Amino acid sequence: MQDFIRRRNIKLLQEAIEKERDQSKRLVLERLLADQQRLDISGKRAQAAED
């Protein structure tokens, strides 16, 4: 379930970045996207370690 939520968040952030024209807001969205992507990678590693 967490993987689904992270992937959905990543998709939504990517869409928001494409639409945002304000550079400062876009930067914040890009940082949030990077955080979500790191969490996604960490989650995949943790899941692989459990398997």
PDB file of N, CA and C in Angstrom:
ATOM      1  N   MET A   1       0.823  -1.198   0.000  1.00  0.00           N
ATOM      2  CA  MET A   1       0.000   0.000   0.000  1.00  0.00           C
ATOM      3  C   MET A   1       0.868   1.264   0.000  1.00  0.00           C
ATOM      4  N   GLN A   2       1.952   1.233   0.794  1.00  0.00           N
ATOM      5  CA  GLN A   2       2.832   2.399   0.833  1.00  0.00           C
ATOM      6  C   GLN A   2       3.488   2.644  -0.523  1.00  0.00           C
ATOM      7  N   ASP A   3       3.828   1.567  -1.219  1.00  0.00           N
ATOM      8  CA  ASP A   3       4.420   1.712  -2.550  1.00  0.00           C
ATOM      9  C   ASP A   3       3.453   2.406  -3.497  1.00  0.00           C
ATOM     10  N   PHE A   4       2.192   2.020  -3.430  1.00  0.00           N
ATOM     11  CA  PHE A   4       1.173   2.638  -4.280  1.00  0.00           C
ATOM     12  C   PHE A   4       1.067   4.129  -3.985  1.00  0.00           C
ATOM     13  N   ILE A   5       1.044   4.477  -2.714  1.00  0.00           N
ATOM     14  CA  ILE A   5       0.919   5.885  -2.316  1.00  0.00           C
ATOM     15  C   ILE A   5       2.136   6.678  -2.782  1.00  0.00           C
ATOM     16  N   ARG A   6       3.329   6.125  -2.592  1.00  0.00           N
ATOM     17  CA  ARG A   6       4.543   6.820  -3.030  1.00  0.00           C
ATOM     18  C   ARG A   6       4.540   7.026  -4.538  1.00  0.00           C
ATOM     19  N   ARG A   7       4.182   5.984  -5.295  1.00  0.00           N
ATOM     20  CA  ARG A   7       4.151   6.115  -6.758  1.00  0.00           C
ATOM     21  C   ARG A   7       3.125   7.154  -7.195  1.00  0.00           C
ATOM     22  N   ARG A   8       1.984   7.179  -6.518  1.00  0.00           N
ATOM     23  CA  ARG A   8       0.939   8.159  -6.844  1.00  0.00           C
ATOM     24  C   ARG A   8       1.424   9.573  -6.534  1.00  0.00           C
ATOM     25  N   ASN A   9       2.088   9.736  -5.382  1.00  0.00           N
ATOM     26  CA  ASN A   9       2.633  11.044  -5.018  1.00  0.00           C
ATOM     27  C   ASN A   9       3.653  11.515  -6.048  1.00  0.00           C
ATOM     28  N   ILE A  10       4.500  10.603  -6.491  1.00  0.00           N
ATOM     29  CA  ILE A  10       5.511  10.951  -7.490  1.00  0.00           C
ATOM     30  C   ILE A  10       4.841  11.415  -8.779  1.00  0.00           C
ATOM     31  N   LYS A  11       3.836  10.693  -9.208  1.00  0.00           N
ATOM     32  CA  LYS A  11       3.127  11.059 -10.440  1.00  0.00           C
ATOM     33  C   LYS A  11       2.460  12.431 -10.299  1.00  0.00           C
ATOM     34  N   LEU A  12       1.805  12.667  -9.168  1.00  0.00           N
ATOM     35  CA  LEU A  12       1.133  13.947  -8.945  1.00  0.00           C
ATOM     36  C   LEU A  12       2.128  15.101  -8.878  1.00  0.00           C
ATOM     37  N   LEU A  13       3.250  14.880  -8.230  1.00  0.00           N
ATOM     38  CA  LEU A  13       4.270  15.926  -8.153  1.00  0.00           C
ATOM     39  C   LEU A  13       4.845  16.228  -9.532  1.00  0.00           C
ATOM     40  N   GLN A  14       5.086  15.207 -10.339  1.00  0.00           N
ATOM     41  CA  GLN A  14       5.597  15.427 -11.694  1.00  0.00           C
ATOM     42  C   GLN A  14       4.616  16.259 -12.516  1.00  0.00           C
ATOM     43  N   GLU A  15       3.337  15.960 -12.389  1.00  0.00           N
ATOM     44  CA  GLU A  15       2.317  16.720 -13.116  1.00  0.00           C
ATOM     45  C   GLU A  15       2.263  18.162 -12.629  1.00  0.00           C
ATOM     46  N   ALA A  16       2.368  18.361 -11.318  1.00  0.00           N
ATOM     47  CA  ALA A  16       2.321  19.714 -10.755  1.00  0.00           C
ATOM     48  C   ALA A  16       3.529  20.529 -11.207  1.00  0.00           C
ATOM     49  N   ILE A  17       4.694  19.897 -11.277  1.00  0.00           N
ATOM     50  CA  ILE A  17       5.907  20.591 -11.723  1.00  0.00           C
ATOM     51  C   ILE A  17       5.746  21.057 -13.165  1.00  0.00           C
ATOM     52  N   GLU A  18       5.184  20.213 -14.009  1.00  0.00           N
ATOM     53  CA  GLU A  18       4.983  20.578 -15.415  1.00  0.00           C
ATOM     54  C   GLU A  18       4.051  21.772 -15.565  1.00  0.00           C
ATOM     55  N   LYS A  19       3.060  21.877 -14.696  1.00  0.00           N
ATOM     56  CA  LYS A  19       2.055  22.936 -14.811  1.00  0.00           C
ATOM     57  C   LYS A  19       2.470  24.232 -14.123  1.00  0.00           C
ATOM     58  N   GLU A  20       3.343  24.150 -13.124  1.00  0.00           N
ATOM     59  CA  GLU A  20       3.696  25.319 -12.317  1.00  0.00           C
ATOM     60  C   GLU A  20       4.597  26.274 -13.088  1.00  0.00           C
ATOM     61  N   ARG A  21       4.234  27.545 -13.081  1.00  0.00           N
ATOM     62  CA  ARG A  21       5.020  28.558 -13.777  1.00  0.00           C
ATOM     63  C   ARG A  21       5.907  29.346 -12.813  1.00  0.00           C
ATOM     64  N   ASP A  22       5.490  29.438 -11.563  1.00  0.00           N
ATOM     65  CA  ASP A  22       6.267  30.171 -10.558  1.00  0.00           C
ATOM     66  C   ASP A  22       7.518  29.356 -10.208  1.00  0.00           C
ATOM     67  N   GLN A  23       8.688  29.929 -10.463  1.00  0.00           N
ATOM     68  CA  GLN A  23       9.944  29.193 -10.292  1.00  0.00           C
ATOM     69  C   GLN A  23      10.180  28.769  -8.845  1.00  0.00           C
ATOM     70  N   SER A  24       9.837  29.616  -7.874  1.00  0.00           N
ATOM     71  CA  SER A  24      10.075  29.249  -6.474  1.00  0.00           C
ATOM     72  C   SER A  24       9.160  28.098  -6.052  1.00  0.00           C
ATOM     73  N   LYS A  25       7.924  28.109  -6.509  1.00  0.00           N
ATOM     74  CA  LYS A  25       7.007  27.007  -6.202  1.00  0.00           C
ATOM     75  C   LYS A  25       7.464  25.728  -6.900  1.00  0.00           C
ATOM     76  N   ARG A  26       7.949  25.906  -8.109  1.00  0.00           N
ATOM     77  CA  ARG A  26       8.433  24.750  -8.870  1.00  0.00           C
ATOM     78  C   ARG A  26       9.627  24.095  -8.166  1.00  0.00           C
ATOM     79  N   LEU A  27      10.505  24.916  -7.608  1.00  0.00           N
ATOM     80  CA  LEU A  27      11.663  24.404  -6.884  1.00  0.00           C
ATOM     81  C   LEU A  27      11.231  23.585  -5.670  1.00  0.00           C
ATOM     82  N   VAL A  28      10.240  24.081  -4.944  1.00  0.00           N
ATOM     83  CA  VAL A  28       9.721  23.350  -3.783  1.00  0.00           C
ATOM     84  C   VAL A  28       9.139  22.007  -4.227  1.00  0.00           C
ATOM     85  N   LEU A  29       8.377  22.015  -5.298  1.00  0.00           N
ATOM     86  CA  LEU A  29       7.797  20.774  -5.815  1.00  0.00           C
ATOM     87  C   LEU A  29       8.887  19.791  -6.253  1.00  0.00           C
ATOM     88  N   GLU A  30       9.946  20.311  -6.864  1.00  0.00           N
ATOM     89  CA  GLU A  30      11.043  19.441  -7.295  1.00  0.00           C
ATOM     90  C   GLU A  30      11.749  18.811  -6.099  1.00  0.00           C
ATOM     91  N   ARG A  31      11.894  19.576  -5.018  1.00  0.00           N
ATOM     92  CA  ARG A  31      12.502  19.020  -3.800  1.00  0.00           C
ATOM     93  C   ARG A  31      11.610  17.952  -3.183  1.00  0.00           C
ATOM     94  N   LEU A  32      10.317  18.203  -3.169  1.00  0.00           N
ATOM     95  CA  LEU A  32       9.383  17.196  -2.658  1.00  0.00           C
ATOM     96  C   LEU A  32       9.436  15.928  -3.511  1.00  0.00           C
ATOM     97  N   LEU A  33       9.524  16.107  -4.813  1.00  0.00           N
ATOM     98  CA  LEU A  33       9.626  14.966  -5.722  1.00  0.00           C
ATOM     99  C   LEU A  33      10.892  14.160  -5.431  1.00  0.00           C
ATOM    100  N   ALA A  34      12.004  14.840  -5.241  1.00  0.00           N
ATOM    101  CA  ALA A  34      13.259  14.144  -4.936  1.00  0.00           C
ATOM    102  C   ALA A  34      13.133  13.355  -3.638  1.00  0.00           C
ATOM    103  N   ASP A  35      12.494  13.941  -2.633  1.00  0.00           N
ATOM    104  CA  ASP A  35      12.281  13.234  -1.364  1.00  0.00           C
ATOM    105  C   ASP A  35      11.429  11.989  -1.568  1.00  0.00           C
ATOM    106  N   GLN A  36      10.360  12.113  -2.337  1.00  0.00           N
ATOM    107  CA  GLN A  36       9.486  10.968  -2.590  1.00  0.00           C
ATOM    108  C   GLN A  36      10.226   9.873  -3.351  1.00  0.00           C
ATOM    109  N   GLN A  37      11.063  10.272  -4.293  1.00  0.00           N
ATOM    110  CA  GLN A  37      11.816   9.284  -5.063  1.00  0.00           C
ATOM    111  C   GLN A  37      12.822   8.559  -4.173  1.00  0.00           C
ATOM    112  N   ARG A  38      13.448   9.292  -3.243  1.00  0.00           N
ATOM    113  CA  ARG A  38      14.367   8.643  -2.298  1.00  0.00           C
ATOM    114  C   ARG A  38      13.618   7.657  -1.417  1.00  0.00           C
ATOM    115  N   LEU A  39      12.440   8.048  -0.944  1.00  0.00           N
ATOM    116  CA  LEU A  39      11.627   7.149  -0.127  1.00  0.00           C
ATOM    117  C   LEU A  39      11.227   5.910  -0.918  1.00  0.00           C
ATOM    118  N   ASP A  40      10.898   6.101  -2.184  1.00  0.00           N
ATOM    119  CA  ASP A  40      10.505   4.981  -3.039  1.00  0.00           C
ATOM    120  C   ASP A  40      11.662   3.993  -3.186  1.00  0.00           C
ATOM    121  N   ILE A  41      12.860   4.507  -3.411  1.00  0.00           N
ATOM    122  CA  ILE A  41      14.037   3.648  -3.551  1.00  0.00           C
ATOM    123  C   ILE A  41      14.331   2.941  -2.235  1.00  0.00           C
ATOM    124  N   SER A  42      14.259   3.677  -1.123  1.00  0.00           N
ATOM    125  CA  SER A  42      14.503   3.076   0.195  1.00  0.00           C
ATOM    126  C   SER A  42      13.483   1.987   0.495  1.00  0.00           C
ATOM    127  N   GLY A  43      12.233   2.248   0.155  1.00  0.00           N
ATOM    128  CA  GLY A  43      11.175   1.266   0.378  1.00  0.00           C
ATOM    129  C   GLY A  43      11.399   0.003  -0.427  1.00  0.00           C
ATOM    130  N   LYS A  44      11.855   0.159  -1.656  1.00  0.00           N
ATOM    131  CA  LYS A  44      12.130  -1.004  -2.505  1.00  0.00           C
ATOM    132  C   LYS A  44      13.293  -1.813  -1.950  1.00  0.00           C
ATOM    133  N   ARG A  45      14.312  -1.113  -1.436  1.00  0.00           N
ATOM    134  CA  ARG A  45      15.459  -1.823  -0.853  1.00  0.00           C
ATOM    135  C   ARG A  45      15.038  -2.587   0.394  1.00  0.00           C
ATOM    136  N   ALA A  46      14.227  -1.958   1.229  1.00  0.00           N
ATOM    137  CA  ALA A  46      13.766  -2.616   2.454  1.00  0.00           C
ATOM    138  C   ALA A  46      12.922  -3.839   2.118  1.00  0.00           C
ATOM    139  N   GLN A  47      12.078  -3.699   1.114  1.00  0.00           N
ATOM    140  CA  GLN A  47      11.226  -4.819   0.712  1.00  0.00           C
ATOM    141  C   GLN A  47      12.073  -5.958   0.142  1.00  0.00           C
ATOM    142  N   ALA A  48      13.091  -5.615  -0.627  1.00  0.00           N
ATOM    143  CA  ALA A  48      13.971  -6.641  -1.192  1.00  0.00           C
ATOM    144  C   ALA A  48      14.743  -7.362  -0.084  1.00  0.00           C
ATOM    145  N   ALA A  49      15.116  -6.633   0.952  1.00  0.00           N
ATOM    146  CA  ALA A  49      15.840  -7.244   2.069  1.00  0.00           C
ATOM    147  C   ALA A  49      14.951  -8.220   2.833  1.00  0.00           C
ATOM    148  N   GLU A  50      13.655  -7.903   2.909  1.00  0.00           N
ATOM    149  CA  GLU A  50      12.710  -8.788   3.592  1.00  0.00           C
ATOM    150  C   GLU A  50      12.485 -10.070   2.800  1.00  0.00           C
ATOM    151  N   ASP A  51      12.499  -9.944   1.477  1.00  0.00           N
ATOM    152  CA  ASP A  51      12.258 -11.110   0.609  1.00  0.00           C
ATOM    153  C   ASP A  51      13.472 -11.968   0.618  1.00  0.00           C
TER     154      ASP A  51
END
